[in-house]
Amino acid sequence: MKEQFNARMLRIHFGEGDKWQNKPLYEAIIAKCQELGLAGAIVYKGIEGYGSSARIRHARALSRDAPIMLSIIDRDEQIKKLLPHLDAMVEEGLIAISDVEVIRFFRPKGAPSQG
């Protein structure tokens, strides 16, 4: 089955070494998203990049300084629940919010797999 709807995409850019309460920031944000009931989130680890600090971050052997991007897509009201938490959690980074059209494919509960 398939459904289409308008939503928001939130992208958070920061560094792999960033922390929140002694946990990697990306783990803390994912946990908060799950706690708030957001539809889903994914963490991407970059090869190289830089942001407002102009410091180049690398994903090299023995380095814990790779650029990280966390992407979340959900309805606007759900994204708005997360924003106050990000204000407290993200010390240095960039947050970009976009309007998106979502096409979600899913299998009804109890339906057998096609593949």
Protein backbone atom coordinates (compact mmCIF):
# COMPACT_ATOMS: atom_id res chain seq x y z
CA MET A 1 0.00 0.00 0.00
CA LYS A 2 1.02 3.60 -0.34
CA GLU A 3 0.16 6.95 1.19
CA GLN A 4 1.23 10.49 0.27
CA PHE A 5 1.34 13.54 2.52
CA ASN A 6 3.20 16.78 3.12
CA ALA A 7 5.81 16.77 5.87
CA ARG A 8 8.98 18.45 7.09
CA MET A 9 12.55 17.24 6.81
CA LEU A 10 14.95 18.25 9.54
CA ARG A 11 18.69 17.87 8.93
CA ILE A 12 21.13 18.41 11.77
CA HIS A 13 24.84 18.83 10.95
CA PHE A 14 27.51 18.51 13.65
CA GLY A 15 30.68 16.61 14.50
CA GLU A 16 31.13 13.00 15.54
CA GLY A 17 32.86 14.03 18.75
CA ASP A 18 29.96 16.23 19.94
CA LYS A 19 28.34 14.99 23.15
CA TRP A 20 25.19 15.45 25.21
CA GLN A 21 25.29 14.28 28.82
CA ASN A 22 28.36 12.10 28.17
CA LYS A 23 26.74 10.31 25.20
CA PRO A 24 27.46 10.88 21.52
CA LEU A 25 25.10 13.67 20.41
CA TYR A 26 23.65 11.59 17.58
CA GLU A 27 22.68 8.80 20.02
CA ALA A 28 21.06 11.31 22.38
CA ILE A 29 19.05 12.92 19.56
CA ILE A 30 17.90 9.54 18.20
CA ALA A 31 16.78 8.53 21.71
CA LYS A 32 14.86 11.82 22.10
CA CYS A 33 13.18 11.33 18.69
CA GLN A 34 12.07 7.85 19.73
CA GLU A 35 10.86 9.11 23.12
CA LEU A 36 8.79 11.84 21.40
CA GLY A 37 7.27 9.34 18.95
CA LEU A 38 8.77 10.76 15.77
CA ALA A 39 8.31 8.58 12.69
CA GLY A 40 12.00 7.84 12.23
CA ALA A 41 15.51 9.22 12.05
CA ILE A 42 18.78 8.17 10.46
CA VAL A 43 22.40 9.15 11.10
CA TYR A 44 24.86 9.63 8.23
CA LYS A 45 28.61 9.72 8.80
CA GLY A 46 30.42 11.91 6.30
CA ILE A 47 33.87 11.52 4.80
CA GLU A 48 34.87 15.16 5.08
CA GLY A 49 33.28 18.56 5.59
CA TYR A 50 33.29 21.86 7.44
CA GLY A 51 30.78 24.26 8.89
CA SER A 52 30.66 27.69 10.49
CA SER A 53 33.86 27.10 12.46
CA ALA A 54 35.70 26.56 9.12
CA ARG A 55 37.49 23.61 10.78
CA ILE A 56 37.67 20.69 8.37
CA ARG A 57 36.39 17.44 9.86
CA HIS A 58 37.70 14.12 8.52
CA ALA A 59 36.65 10.49 8.75
CA ARG A 60 40.08 8.91 8.89
CA ALA A 61 41.52 5.95 10.74
CA LEU A 62 41.84 6.68 14.47
CA SER A 63 39.89 9.92 14.09
CA ARG A 64 36.61 10.59 15.94
CA ASP A 65 35.99 13.88 14.15
CA ALA A 66 33.90 12.92 11.10
CA PRO A 67 31.03 15.15 10.02
CA ILE A 68 27.62 13.79 11.05
CA MET A 69 24.22 14.53 9.52
CA LEU A 70 21.06 13.34 11.22
CA SER A 71 17.92 13.34 9.06
CA ILE A 72 14.38 13.24 10.41
CA ILE A 73 11.17 13.31 8.35
CA ASP A 74 7.77 13.66 9.99
CA ARG A 75 4.69 15.84 10.07
CA ASP A 76 5.18 19.47 11.11
CA GLU A 77 3.59 19.06 14.55
CA GLN A 78 6.00 16.23 15.39
CA ILE A 79 9.07 18.19 14.23
CA LYS A 80 7.95 21.15 16.38
CA LYS A 81 8.00 18.88 19.47
CA LEU A 82 11.70 18.17 18.91
CA LEU A 83 12.98 21.71 18.29
CA PRO A 84 13.08 22.92 21.95
CA HIS A 85 15.13 19.85 22.87
CA LEU A 86 17.61 20.53 20.06
CA ASP A 87 18.04 24.10 21.38
CA ALA A 88 19.46 22.58 24.56
CA MET A 89 21.37 19.69 22.99
CA VAL A 90 23.16 21.17 19.97
CA GLU A 91 26.01 23.40 21.10
CA GLU A 92 27.63 23.87 17.69
CA GLY A 93 26.16 22.89 14.34
CA LEU A 94 23.53 23.65 11.74
CA ILE A 95 19.87 22.73 11.52
CA ALA A 96 18.06 22.92 8.17
CA ILE A 97 14.30 22.44 7.85
CA SER A 98 12.57 21.83 4.51
CA ASP A 99 9.04 21.16 3.35
CA VAL A 100 8.85 17.76 1.63
CA GLU A 101 6.27 15.54 -0.01
CA VAL A 102 6.38 12.02 1.39
CA ILE A 103 5.42 8.83 -0.40
CA ARG A 104 5.36 6.03 2.14
CA PHE A 105 5.09 2.41 1.07
CA PHE A 106 3.96 -0.10 3.66
CA ARG A 107 2.50 -3.56 4.06
CA PRO A 108 -0.79 -3.83 5.99
CA LYS A 109 -0.50 -5.73 9.26
CA GLY A 110 -0.82 -9.44 8.69
CA ALA A 111 -0.30 -9.21 4.91
CA PRO A 112 2.22 -11.70 3.54
CA SER A 113 5.51 -10.49 2.04
CA GLN A 114 5.59 -10.33 -1.77
CA GLY A 115 9.29 -11.21 -2.06
